[in-house]
Amino acid sequence: MSELPEETADARVDAIVAGLARLGELPVSEHVAVFEEAFSGLESTLAAVDDAQGEHTTAGRMTDAGVPERP
């Protein structure tokens, strides 16, 4: 596996990325769950940043059908 960045300048993102280090200890069959957890955490962090900046938007979010929403 390639090297992970040491820091991203955002502690929340750093914690999520650090969680990917456990992939080496897990069987491949469990990797999807780890990636889904990381993706969900990153998505939540990005939404929190948008909300904090007053830029709550649906851009980049997916509909229930898995299609990107249009702003």
PDB file of N, CA and C in Angstrom:
ATOM      1  N   MET A   1       0.847  -1.179   0.000  1.00  0.00           N
ATOM      2  CA  MET A   1       0.000   0.000   0.000  1.00  0.00           C
ATOM      3  C   MET A   1       0.887   1.234   0.000  1.00  0.00           C
ATOM      4  N   SER A   2       0.447   2.298  -0.664  1.00  0.00           N
ATOM      5  CA  SER A   2       1.243   3.518  -0.736  1.00  0.00           C
ATOM      6  C   SER A   2       1.220   4.247   0.608  1.00  0.00           C
ATOM      7  N   GLU A   3       2.165   5.132   0.759  1.00  0.00           N
ATOM      8  CA  GLU A   3       2.266   5.909   1.988  1.00  0.00           C
ATOM      9  C   GLU A   3       1.101   6.883   2.104  1.00  0.00           C
ATOM     10  N   LEU A   4       0.566   7.030   3.304  1.00  0.00           N
ATOM     11  CA  LEU A   4      -0.489   7.995   3.552  1.00  0.00           C
ATOM     12  C   LEU A   4       0.142   9.324   3.940  1.00  0.00           C
ATOM     13  N   PRO A   5      -0.495  10.442   3.592  1.00  0.00           N
ATOM     14  CA  PRO A   5       0.057  11.732   4.010  1.00  0.00           C
ATOM     15  C   PRO A   5       0.045  11.823   5.533  1.00  0.00           C
ATOM     16  N   GLU A   6       1.031  12.520   6.081  1.00  0.00           N
ATOM     17  CA  GLU A   6       1.102  12.628   7.536  1.00  0.00           C
ATOM     18  C   GLU A   6       0.072  13.596   8.091  1.00  0.00           C
ATOM     19  N   GLU A   7      -0.148  14.715   7.397  1.00  0.00           N
ATOM     20  CA  GLU A   7      -1.114  15.701   7.870  1.00  0.00           C
ATOM     21  C   GLU A   7      -1.779  16.391   6.692  1.00  0.00           C
ATOM     22  N   THR A   8      -3.030  16.794   6.905  1.00  0.00           N
ATOM     23  CA  THR A   8      -3.772  17.510   5.873  1.00  0.00           C
ATOM     24  C   THR A   8      -4.085  18.940   6.280  1.00  0.00           C
ATOM     25  N   ALA A   9      -3.723  19.317   7.490  1.00  0.00           N
ATOM     26  CA  ALA A   9      -4.004  20.637   8.072  1.00  0.00           C
ATOM     27  C   ALA A   9      -5.416  20.718   8.648  1.00  0.00           C
ATOM     28  N   ASP A  10      -6.138  19.610   8.667  1.00  0.00           N
ATOM     29  CA  ASP A  10      -7.453  19.553   9.307  1.00  0.00           C
ATOM     30  C   ASP A  10      -7.464  18.317  10.201  1.00  0.00           C
ATOM     31  N   ALA A  11      -7.573  18.526  11.489  1.00  0.00           N
ATOM     32  CA  ALA A  11      -7.488  17.422  12.450  1.00  0.00           C
ATOM     33  C   ALA A  11      -8.562  16.361  12.216  1.00  0.00           C
ATOM     34  N   ARG A  12      -9.753  16.798  11.785  1.00  0.00           N
ATOM     35  CA  ARG A  12     -10.828  15.831  11.529  1.00  0.00           C
ATOM     36  C   ARG A  12     -10.458  14.911  10.371  1.00  0.00           C
ATOM     37  N   VAL A  13      -9.940  15.488   9.312  1.00  0.00           N
ATOM     38  CA  VAL A  13      -9.540  14.698   8.141  1.00  0.00           C
ATOM     39  C   VAL A  13      -8.345  13.819   8.499  1.00  0.00           C
ATOM     40  N   ASP A  14      -7.405  14.371   9.252  1.00  0.00           N
ATOM     41  CA  ASP A  14      -6.240  13.591   9.669  1.00  0.00           C
ATOM     42  C   ASP A  14      -6.649  12.339  10.442  1.00  0.00           C
ATOM     43  N   ALA A  15      -7.631  12.471  11.316  1.00  0.00           N
ATOM     44  CA  ALA A  15      -8.098  11.321  12.104  1.00  0.00           C
ATOM     45  C   ALA A  15      -8.728  10.264  11.203  1.00  0.00           C
ATOM     46  N   ILE A  16      -9.485  10.708  10.216  1.00  0.00           N
ATOM     47  CA  ILE A  16     -10.119   9.760   9.294  1.00  0.00           C
ATOM     48  C   ILE A  16      -9.061   9.036   8.466  1.00  0.00           C
ATOM     49  N   VAL A  17      -8.108   9.786   7.933  1.00  0.00           N
ATOM     50  CA  VAL A  17      -7.043   9.185   7.129  1.00  0.00           C
ATOM     51  C   VAL A  17      -6.214   8.223   7.980  1.00  0.00           C
ATOM     52  N   ALA A  18      -5.941   8.587   9.218  1.00  0.00           N
ATOM     53  CA  ALA A  18      -5.166   7.717  10.106  1.00  0.00           C
ATOM     54  C   ALA A  18      -5.886   6.386  10.323  1.00  0.00           C
ATOM     55  N   GLY A  19      -7.212   6.413  10.321  1.00  0.00           N
ATOM     56  CA  GLY A  19      -7.984   5.189  10.478  1.00  0.00           C
ATOM     57  C   GLY A  19      -7.774   4.202   9.348  1.00  0.00           C
ATOM     58  N   LEU A  20      -7.341   4.674   8.189  1.00  0.00           N
ATOM     59  CA  LEU A  20      -7.074   3.786   7.056  1.00  0.00           C
ATOM     60  C   LEU A  20      -5.846   2.904   7.302  1.00  0.00           C
ATOM     61  N   ALA A  21      -5.019   3.285   8.255  1.00  0.00           N
ATOM     62  CA  ALA A  21      -3.822   2.499   8.560  1.00  0.00           C
ATOM     63  C   ALA A  21      -4.169   1.092   9.032  1.00  0.00           C
ATOM     64  N   ARG A  22      -5.358   0.919   9.564  1.00  0.00           N
ATOM     65  CA  ARG A  22      -5.745  -0.406  10.064  1.00  0.00           C
ATOM     66  C   ARG A  22      -6.035  -1.396   8.938  1.00  0.00           C
ATOM     67  N   LEU A  23      -6.070  -0.924   7.690  1.00  0.00           N
ATOM     68  CA  LEU A  23      -6.339  -1.824   6.566  1.00  0.00           C
ATOM     69  C   LEU A  23      -5.341  -2.974   6.503  1.00  0.00           C
ATOM     70  N   GLY A  24      -4.091  -2.702   6.839  1.00  0.00           N
ATOM     71  CA  GLY A  24      -3.058  -3.733   6.786  1.00  0.00           C
ATOM     72  C   GLY A  24      -3.286  -4.863   7.769  1.00  0.00           C
ATOM     73  N   GLU A  25      -4.047  -4.618   8.797  1.00  0.00           N
ATOM     74  CA  GLU A  25      -4.315  -5.626   9.828  1.00  0.00           C
ATOM     75  C   GLU A  25      -5.569  -6.438   9.542  1.00  0.00           C
ATOM     76  N   LEU A  26      -6.355  -5.998   8.572  1.00  0.00           N
ATOM     77  CA  LEU A  26      -7.650  -6.626   8.311  1.00  0.00           C
ATOM     78  C   LEU A  26      -7.619  -7.475   7.050  1.00  0.00           C
ATOM     79  N   PRO A  27      -8.460  -8.495   7.011  1.00  0.00           N
ATOM     80  CA  PRO A  27      -8.587  -9.258   5.772  1.00  0.00           C
ATOM     81  C   PRO A  27      -9.223  -8.367   4.695  1.00  0.00           C
ATOM     82  N   VAL A  28      -8.902  -8.625   3.456  1.00  0.00           N
ATOM     83  CA  VAL A  28      -9.410  -7.814   2.350  1.00  0.00           C
ATOM     84  C   VAL A  28     -10.930  -7.739   2.365  1.00  0.00           C
ATOM     85  N   SER A  29     -11.578  -8.782   2.802  1.00  0.00           N
ATOM     86  CA  SER A  29     -13.047  -8.796   2.832  1.00  0.00           C
ATOM     87  C   SER A  29     -13.628  -7.716   3.745  1.00  0.00           C
ATOM     88  N   GLU A  30     -12.824  -7.179   4.643  1.00  0.00           N
ATOM     89  CA  GLU A  30     -13.297  -6.138   5.555  1.00  0.00           C
ATOM     90  C   GLU A  30     -12.880  -4.736   5.122  1.00  0.00           C
ATOM     91  N   HIS A  31     -12.142  -4.614   4.043  1.00  0.00           N
ATOM     92  CA  HIS A  31     -11.655  -3.311   3.589  1.00  0.00           C
ATOM     93  C   HIS A  31     -12.785  -2.386   3.142  1.00  0.00           C
ATOM     94  N   VAL A  32     -13.788  -2.937   2.474  1.00  0.00           N
ATOM     95  CA  VAL A  32     -14.884  -2.099   1.980  1.00  0.00           C
ATOM     96  C   VAL A  32     -15.535  -1.329   3.126  1.00  0.00           C
ATOM     97  N   ALA A  33     -15.773  -1.971   4.235  1.00  0.00           N
ATOM     98  CA  ALA A  33     -16.397  -1.307   5.378  1.00  0.00           C
ATOM     99  C   ALA A  33     -15.530  -0.159   5.893  1.00  0.00           C
ATOM    100  N   VAL A  34     -14.221  -0.355   5.895  1.00  0.00           N
ATOM    101  CA  VAL A  34     -13.305   0.698   6.355  1.00  0.00           C
ATOM    102  C   VAL A  34     -13.351   1.882   5.393  1.00  0.00           C
ATOM    103  N   PHE A  35     -13.341   1.597   4.083  1.00  0.00           N
ATOM    104  CA  PHE A  35     -13.410   2.678   3.098  1.00  0.00           C
ATOM    105  C   PHE A  35     -14.747   3.412   3.168  1.00  0.00           C
ATOM    106  N   GLU A  36     -15.829   2.684   3.367  1.00  0.00           N
ATOM    107  CA  GLU A  36     -17.144   3.322   3.481  1.00  0.00           C
ATOM    108  C   GLU A  36     -17.207   4.223   4.708  1.00  0.00           C
ATOM    109  N   GLU A  37     -16.621   3.760   5.803  1.00  0.00           N
ATOM    110  CA  GLU A  37     -16.581   4.560   7.029  1.00  0.00           C
ATOM    111  C   GLU A  37     -15.778   5.843   6.800  1.00  0.00           C
ATOM    112  N   ALA A  38     -14.635   5.722   6.137  1.00  0.00           N
ATOM    113  CA  ALA A  38     -13.799   6.888   5.853  1.00  0.00           C
ATOM    114  C   ALA A  38     -14.531   7.850   4.926  1.00  0.00           C
ATOM    115  N   PHE A  39     -15.158   7.323   3.888  1.00  0.00           N
ATOM    116  CA  PHE A  39     -15.888   8.175   2.948  1.00  0.00           C
ATOM    117  C   PHE A  39     -16.998   8.928   3.665  1.00  0.00           C
ATOM    118  N   SER A  40     -17.744   8.230   4.498  1.00  0.00           N
ATOM    119  CA  SER A  40     -18.832   8.859   5.246  1.00  0.00           C
ATOM    120  C   SER A  40     -18.300   9.961   6.162  1.00  0.00           C
ATOM    121  N   GLY A  41     -17.189   9.687   6.826  1.00  0.00           N
ATOM    122  CA  GLY A  41     -16.584  10.686   7.708  1.00  0.00           C
ATOM    123  C   GLY A  41     -16.107  11.905   6.955  1.00  0.00           C
ATOM    124  N   LEU A  42     -15.491  11.690   5.791  1.00  0.00           N
ATOM    125  CA  LEU A  42     -15.027  12.814   4.978  1.00  0.00           C
ATOM    126  C   LEU A  42     -16.199  13.620   4.440  1.00  0.00           C
ATOM    127  N   GLU A  43     -17.247  12.938   4.039  1.00  0.00           N
ATOM    128  CA  GLU A  43     -18.447  13.611   3.540  1.00  0.00           C
ATOM    129  C   GLU A  43     -19.075  14.466   4.634  1.00  0.00           C
ATOM    130  N   SER A  44     -19.157  13.937   5.848  1.00  0.00           N
ATOM    131  CA  SER A  44     -19.716  14.684   6.987  1.00  0.00           C
ATOM    132  C   SER A  44     -18.858  15.888   7.333  1.00  0.00           C
ATOM    133  N   THR A  45     -17.549  15.705   7.279  1.00  0.00           N
ATOM    134  CA  THR A  45     -16.638  16.808   7.572  1.00  0.00           C
ATOM    135  C   THR A  45     -16.795  17.917   6.553  1.00  0.00           C
ATOM    136  N   LEU A  46     -16.887  17.564   5.284  1.00  0.00           N
ATOM    137  CA  LEU A  46     -17.070  18.559   4.235  1.00  0.00           C
ATOM    138  C   LEU A  46     -18.400  19.292   4.406  1.00  0.00           C
ATOM    139  N   ALA A  47     -19.452  18.565   4.737  1.00  0.00           N
ATOM    140  CA  ALA A  47     -20.754  19.195   4.963  1.00  0.00           C
ATOM    141  C   ALA A  47     -20.690  20.162   6.143  1.00  0.00           C
ATOM    142  N   ALA A  48     -19.962  19.795   7.191  1.00  0.00           N
ATOM    143  CA  ALA A  48     -19.829  20.667   8.359  1.00  0.00           C
ATOM    144  C   ALA A  48     -19.089  21.949   8.001  1.00  0.00           C
ATOM    145  N   VAL A  49     -18.088  21.837   7.154  1.00  0.00           N
ATOM    146  CA  VAL A  49     -17.345  23.024   6.708  1.00  0.00           C
ATOM    147  C   VAL A  49     -18.265  23.925   5.902  1.00  0.00           C
ATOM    148  N   ASP A  50     -19.038  23.335   4.990  1.00  0.00           N
ATOM    149  CA  ASP A  50     -19.981  24.114   4.191  1.00  0.00           C
ATOM    150  C   ASP A  50     -20.991  24.822   5.077  1.00  0.00           C
ATOM    151  N   ASP A  51     -21.539  24.102   6.054  1.00  0.00           N
ATOM    152  CA  ASP A  51     -22.530  24.683   6.955  1.00  0.00           C
ATOM    153  C   ASP A  51     -21.926  25.819   7.769  1.00  0.00           C
ATOM    154  N   ALA A  52     -20.710  25.643   8.237  1.00  0.00           N
ATOM    155  CA  ALA A  52     -20.043  26.661   9.052  1.00  0.00           C
ATOM    156  C   ALA A  52     -19.779  27.927   8.251  1.00  0.00           C
ATOM    157  N   GLN A  53     -19.603  27.770   6.957  1.00  0.00           N
ATOM    158  CA  GLN A  53     -19.332  28.925   6.098  1.00  0.00           C
ATOM    159  C   GLN A  53     -20.610  29.495   5.500  1.00  0.00           C
ATOM    160  N   GLY A  54     -21.747  28.928   5.887  1.00  0.00           N
ATOM    161  CA  GLY A  54     -23.015  29.412   5.372  1.00  0.00           C
ATOM    162  C   GLY A  54     -23.240  29.066   3.920  1.00  0.00           C
ATOM    163  N   GLU A  55     -22.574  28.041   3.447  1.00  0.00           N
ATOM    164  CA  GLU A  55     -22.671  27.647   2.046  1.00  0.00           C
ATOM    165  C   GLU A  55     -23.300  26.276   1.924  1.00  0.00           C
ATOM    166  N   HIS A  56     -24.333  26.018   2.684  1.00  0.00           N
ATOM    167  CA  HIS A  56     -24.978  24.711   2.617  1.00  0.00           C
ATOM    168  C   HIS A  56     -25.502  24.506   1.202  1.00  0.00           C
ATOM    169  N   THR A  57     -25.011  23.487   0.555  1.00  0.00           N
ATOM    170  CA  THR A  57     -25.377  23.222  -0.824  1.00  0.00           C
ATOM    171  C   THR A  57     -25.561  21.736  -1.031  1.00  0.00           C
ATOM    172  N   THR A  58     -26.278  21.381  -2.078  1.00  0.00           N
ATOM    173  CA  THR A  58     -26.452  19.970  -2.404  1.00  0.00           C
ATOM    174  C   THR A  58     -25.473  19.550  -3.486  1.00  0.00           C
ATOM    175  N   ALA A  59     -24.630  20.458  -3.952  1.00  0.00           N
ATOM    176  CA  ALA A  59     -23.672  20.112  -5.001  1.00  0.00           C
ATOM    177  C   ALA A  59     -22.777  18.979  -4.540  1.00  0.00           C
ATOM    178  N   GLY A  60     -22.649  17.966  -5.373  1.00  0.00           N
ATOM    179  CA  GLY A  60     -21.787  16.851  -5.061  1.00  0.00           C
ATOM    180  C   GLY A  60     -22.447  15.755  -4.257  1.00  0.00           C
ATOM    181  N   ARG A  61     -23.667  15.958  -3.815  1.00  0.00           N
ATOM    182  CA  ARG A  61     -24.361  14.920  -3.063  1.00  0.00           C
ATOM    183  C   ARG A  61     -25.116  14.017  -4.021  1.00  0.00           C
ATOM    184  N   MET A  62     -25.386  12.820  -3.570  1.00  0.00           N
ATOM    185  CA  MET A  62     -26.064  11.840  -4.402  1.00  0.00           C
ATOM    186  C   MET A  62     -27.526  11.713  -3.990  1.00  0.00           C
ATOM    187  N   THR A  63     -28.391  11.478  -4.969  1.00  0.00           N
ATOM    188  CA  THR A  63     -29.785  11.195  -4.683  1.00  0.00           C
ATOM    189  C   THR A  63     -29.893   9.743  -4.222  1.00  0.00           C
ATOM    190  N   ASP A  64     -31.075   9.329  -3.803  1.00  0.00           N
ATOM    191  CA  ASP A  64     -31.282   7.951  -3.389  1.00  0.00           C
ATOM    192  C   ASP A  64     -31.005   6.981  -4.519  1.00  0.00           C
ATOM    193  N   ALA A  65     -31.133   7.442  -5.758  1.00  0.00           N
ATOM    194  CA  ALA A  65     -30.904   6.587  -6.925  1.00  0.00           C
ATOM    195  C   ALA A  65     -29.426   6.532  -7.284  1.00  0.00           C
ATOM    196  N   GLY A  66     -28.565   7.217  -6.521  1.00  0.00           N
ATOM    197  CA  GLY A  66     -27.134   7.192  -6.792  1.00  0.00           C
ATOM    198  C   GLY A  66     -26.713   8.144  -7.895  1.00  0.00           C
ATOM    199  N   VAL A  67     -27.556   9.141  -8.173  1.00  0.00           N
ATOM    200  CA  VAL A  67     -27.274  10.132  -9.209  1.00  0.00           C
ATOM    201  C   VAL A  67     -26.923  11.439  -8.531  1.00  0.00           C
ATOM    202  N   PRO A  68     -25.867  12.138  -9.009  1.00  0.00           N
ATOM    203  CA  PRO A  68     -25.530  13.417  -8.376  1.00  0.00           C
ATOM    204  C   PRO A  68     -26.685  14.415  -8.466  1.00  0.00           C
ATOM    205  N   GLU A  69     -26.942  15.117  -7.361  1.00  0.00           N
ATOM    206  CA  GLU A  69     -27.964  16.153  -7.366  1.00  0.00           C
ATOM    207  C   GLU A  69     -27.428  17.378  -8.073  1.00  0.00           C
ATOM    208  N   ARG A  70     -28.319  18.121  -8.637  1.00  0.00           N
ATOM    209  CA  ARG A  70     -27.937  19.383  -9.274  1.00  0.00           C
ATOM    210  C   ARG A  70     -28.285  20.523  -8.337  1.00  0.00           C
ATOM    211  N   PRO A  71     -27.386  21.502  -8.229  1.00  0.00           N
ATOM    212  CA  PRO A  71     -27.664  22.636  -7.325  1.00  0.00           C
ATOM    213  C   PRO A  71     -28.824  23.468  -7.817  1.00  0.00           C
TER     214      PRO A  71
END
